[in-house]
Amino acid sequence: NENYLIAKALEKSPKIKAPLSPPTILTPDEIARLNPDGTRGMNLVLFALYSGMRRGEIFRLRHEDVDHVAGVIRIPFSKNNEPRVIPLTRELAEIIDRQPKDESGYVFSWNGRQPRDCRSAFKLALKRAGINRRIRMHDLRHTYGSYLAMNGVDMDERMALMGHKTITAARIYTHFYTKKLSESVERLMNAYRAAAEEAKGHKKGTVAIAS
């Protein structure tokens, strides 16, 4: 019947994917409120924010993966089962140095074992910093990727730093890169308008713009 034919046609039709919504990121004011306070929760918040690492990658991080000589953190196994390295910044090194060492070898060990959950400590750290809206640990990775994009880091470098295997995964942060480009173009348009105003409609307006 007709309904059956329509249903079969819909099955064969290409699936339309909904557009990716912009990720949740911290504002500059919220980032400024995050300061070391000696707690486990804040150490994890800052480490995630400064490294862009996934939660599982942070929990699996061992001291042997931190190469102070080469200045890198080595991630043997990422979500894509491929190794990668990220720069060991001064801020990351300071956080790592603050962590007590035990026989487990994990940087963020919990009672001598690999940590599995940090939601309570994470939420408490944000609350103490005056950040009361809902922020997940993965949103700090979103923040890392978004600020890379807003500061002009190209797609290939973002993919390498964040361990993205496909452009589709990295493209979620293009929204913020586009926003920066829009701001740059708006500055250009302001220059055009100022030049046109200074020229007062005369031919010398083109000279003013060029200068």
Protein backbone atom coordinates (compact mmCIF):
# COMPACT_ATOMS: atom_id res chain seq x y z
CA ASN A 1 0.00 0.00 0.00
CA GLU A 2 0.93 3.66 -0.15
CA ASN A 3 2.11 3.92 3.47
CA TYR A 4 4.38 0.91 2.98
CA LEU A 5 5.96 2.44 -0.12
CA ILE A 6 6.54 5.72 1.69
CA ALA A 7 8.16 3.94 4.63
CA LYS A 8 10.51 2.01 2.32
CA ALA A 9 11.45 5.20 0.48
CA LEU A 10 12.29 6.91 3.75
CA GLU A 11 14.53 3.98 4.72
CA LYS A 12 16.55 4.45 1.54
CA SER A 13 16.74 8.22 1.79
CA PRO A 14 19.99 9.72 3.12
CA LYS A 15 20.01 10.48 6.81
CA ILE A 16 20.18 14.15 7.66
CA LYS A 17 22.42 14.83 10.64
CA ALA A 18 21.52 17.61 12.98
CA PRO A 19 24.14 20.37 13.09
CA LEU A 20 26.59 20.24 15.97
CA SER A 21 25.73 22.69 18.70
CA PRO A 22 28.53 24.87 20.11
CA PRO A 23 30.23 23.21 23.10
CA THR A 24 30.05 24.63 26.59
CA ILE A 25 33.21 26.58 27.44
CA LEU A 26 34.42 28.66 30.36
CA THR A 27 34.44 32.42 30.02
CA PRO A 28 37.65 34.41 30.60
CA ASP A 29 36.20 35.61 33.91
CA GLU A 30 35.54 32.03 35.03
CA ILE A 31 39.04 30.94 34.03
CA ALA A 32 40.50 33.82 36.05
CA ARG A 33 38.75 32.47 39.16
CA LEU A 34 40.52 29.11 38.93
CA ASN A 35 43.62 29.27 41.10
CA PRO A 36 45.62 26.52 42.84
CA ASP A 37 44.29 25.92 46.34
CA GLY A 38 46.02 22.65 47.21
CA THR A 39 42.93 20.50 46.74
CA ARG A 40 42.68 17.40 44.57
CA GLY A 41 39.65 18.77 42.79
CA MET A 42 41.27 22.04 41.74
CA ASN A 43 44.40 20.21 40.59
CA LEU A 44 42.24 18.11 38.27
CA VAL A 45 40.28 21.14 37.04
CA LEU A 46 43.42 23.08 36.16
CA PHE A 47 45.17 20.08 34.64
CA ALA A 48 42.20 19.36 32.35
CA LEU A 49 41.95 23.02 31.40
CA TYR A 50 45.68 23.40 30.63
CA SER A 51 46.17 20.06 28.84
CA GLY A 52 42.95 19.46 26.92
CA MET A 53 43.28 15.78 27.82
CA ARG A 54 40.27 13.50 28.12
CA ARG A 55 39.25 12.38 31.60
CA GLY A 56 40.38 8.78 30.99
CA GLU A 57 43.74 10.00 29.69
CA ILE A 58 44.24 12.08 32.84
CA PHE A 59 43.28 9.21 35.12
CA ARG A 60 45.65 6.82 33.30
CA LEU A 61 48.57 9.26 33.32
CA ARG A 62 51.69 7.89 35.02
CA HIS A 63 54.80 9.70 36.16
CA GLU A 64 56.80 7.69 33.62
CA ASP A 65 54.71 9.32 30.86
CA VAL A 66 55.94 12.78 31.88
CA ASP A 67 59.20 13.61 30.10
CA HIS A 68 60.68 16.69 31.77
CA VAL A 69 63.79 16.56 29.58
CA ALA A 70 61.89 16.59 26.27
CA GLY A 71 59.22 18.84 27.75
CA VAL A 72 56.27 16.65 26.75
CA ILE A 73 53.56 14.45 28.21
CA ARG A 74 53.30 11.17 26.35
CA ILE A 75 49.86 9.61 26.00
CA PRO A 76 50.47 5.96 25.01
CA PHE A 77 46.83 5.15 24.28
CA SER A 78 44.20 7.70 23.39
CA LYS A 79 40.53 7.24 22.52
CA ASN A 80 41.61 6.35 18.99
CA ASN A 81 44.18 3.82 20.26
CA GLU A 82 46.94 6.00 18.88
CA PRO A 83 49.77 7.58 20.91
CA ARG A 84 50.31 11.32 20.99
CA VAL A 85 52.29 13.92 22.89
CA ILE A 86 51.31 17.30 24.28
CA PRO A 87 53.63 20.08 25.45
CA LEU A 88 54.57 20.02 29.13
CA THR A 89 53.94 23.65 30.06
CA ARG A 90 55.19 25.23 33.26
CA GLU A 91 51.66 25.17 34.67
CA LEU A 92 51.22 21.47 33.97
CA ALA A 93 54.65 20.65 35.42
CA GLU A 94 53.80 22.53 38.62
CA ILE A 95 50.54 20.61 39.04
CA ILE A 96 52.31 17.29 38.50
CA ASP A 97 55.04 18.21 40.99
CA ARG A 98 52.38 18.93 43.61
CA GLN A 99 51.00 15.39 43.43
CA PRO A 100 52.26 12.91 46.03
CA LYS A 101 53.92 9.83 44.57
CA ASP A 102 53.02 6.30 45.60
CA GLU A 103 53.56 2.75 44.41
CA SER A 104 50.72 2.97 41.87
CA GLY A 105 52.75 5.28 39.64
CA TYR A 106 49.67 7.28 38.68
CA VAL A 107 50.01 11.06 38.76
CA PHE A 108 46.51 11.50 40.21
CA SER A 109 46.31 8.36 42.32
CA TRP A 110 43.55 7.85 44.86
CA ASN A 111 44.38 5.71 47.87
CA GLY A 112 47.16 4.07 45.89
CA ARG A 113 44.93 3.23 42.94
CA GLN A 114 43.96 4.70 39.59
CA PRO A 115 41.13 7.19 40.12
CA ARG A 116 37.77 6.32 38.58
CA ASP A 117 35.47 9.15 39.55
CA CYS A 118 36.10 12.73 40.61
CA ARG A 119 32.67 14.34 40.28
CA SER A 120 32.34 15.39 43.91
CA ALA A 121 35.83 16.92 44.12
CA PHE A 122 35.38 18.52 40.69
CA LYS A 123 32.05 20.17 41.54
CA LEU A 124 33.32 21.36 44.91
CA ALA A 125 36.38 22.98 43.30
CA LEU A 126 34.19 24.90 40.85
CA LYS A 127 31.82 25.95 43.63
CA ARG A 128 34.69 27.30 45.72
CA ALA A 129 35.80 29.28 42.65
CA GLY A 130 32.34 30.85 42.39
CA ILE A 131 31.35 28.96 39.24
CA ASN A 132 27.81 27.76 39.88
CA ARG A 133 26.58 26.81 36.42
CA ARG A 134 26.74 23.19 35.26
CA ILE A 135 30.23 22.43 33.97
CA ARG A 136 31.39 18.91 33.16
CA MET A 137 35.01 17.82 33.15
CA HIS A 138 34.77 17.32 29.38
CA ASP A 139 33.75 20.98 29.04
CA LEU A 140 37.30 21.89 30.08
CA ARG A 141 38.52 19.98 27.02
CA HIS A 142 35.97 21.94 24.98
CA THR A 143 37.35 25.14 26.49
CA TYR A 144 40.90 24.13 25.53
CA GLY A 145 39.93 23.41 21.93
CA SER A 146 37.77 26.51 21.60
CA TYR A 147 40.46 28.87 22.87
CA LEU A 148 42.96 27.26 20.50
CA ALA A 149 40.58 28.06 17.64
CA MET A 150 39.87 31.60 18.84
CA ASN A 151 43.58 32.32 19.00
CA GLY A 152 44.25 31.26 15.43
CA VAL A 153 45.71 27.77 15.92
CA ASP A 154 45.08 25.95 12.63
CA MET A 155 43.07 22.77 12.20
CA ASP A 156 46.04 20.40 11.85
CA GLU A 157 47.66 21.63 15.05
CA ARG A 158 44.38 21.43 16.95
CA MET A 159 43.89 17.86 15.76
CA ALA A 160 47.41 16.93 16.88
CA LEU A 161 47.07 18.57 20.31
CA MET A 162 43.64 17.13 21.05
CA GLY A 163 44.07 13.72 19.45
CA HIS A 164 41.31 14.12 16.88
CA LYS A 165 41.53 11.57 14.10
CA THR A 166 39.04 13.24 11.75
CA ILE A 167 38.38 16.80 10.69
CA THR A 168 34.73 16.31 11.63
CA ALA A 169 35.67 15.91 15.29
CA ALA A 170 37.87 19.02 15.25
CA ARG A 171 35.37 21.08 13.29
CA ILE A 172 33.11 21.49 16.33
CA TYR A 173 35.41 24.34 17.42
CA THR A 174 35.24 26.12 14.06
CA HIS A 175 32.30 28.14 15.43
CA PHE A 176 34.67 29.98 17.71
CA TYR A 177 37.28 30.45 14.99
CA THR A 178 34.56 31.95 12.78
CA LYS A 179 33.60 34.28 15.60
CA LYS A 180 37.17 35.57 15.76
CA LEU A 181 37.24 36.05 12.01
CA SER A 182 34.00 38.02 12.25
CA GLU A 183 35.56 40.29 14.87
CA SER A 184 38.57 40.84 12.60
CA VAL A 185 36.36 41.72 9.64
CA GLU A 186 34.35 44.09 11.83
CA ARG A 187 37.57 45.93 12.68
CA LEU A 188 38.28 46.18 8.95
CA MET A 189 34.81 47.57 8.30
CA ASN A 190 35.34 50.15 11.05
CA ALA A 191 38.51 51.22 9.25
CA TYR A 192 36.59 51.49 6.00
CA ARG A 193 33.90 53.60 7.65
CA ALA A 194 36.44 55.86 9.34
CA ALA A 195 38.26 56.37 6.06
CA ALA A 196 35.04 57.15 4.23
CA GLU A 197 34.04 59.64 6.93
CA GLU A 198 37.43 61.32 6.79
CA ALA A 199 37.28 61.55 3.01
CA LYS A 200 33.76 63.01 3.21
CA GLY A 201 32.75 61.34 0.00
CA HIS A 202 35.64 62.66 -2.10
CA LYS A 203 37.87 60.54 -4.30
CA LYS A 204 40.69 60.71 -1.79
CA GLY A 205 38.70 58.23 0.27
CA THR A 206 40.42 55.35 -1.52
CA VAL A 207 43.80 56.73 -0.50
CA ALA A 208 42.71 56.96 3.11
CA ILE A 209 41.58 53.33 3.10
CA ALA A 210 44.80 52.12 1.52
CA SER A 211 46.88 53.88 4.16
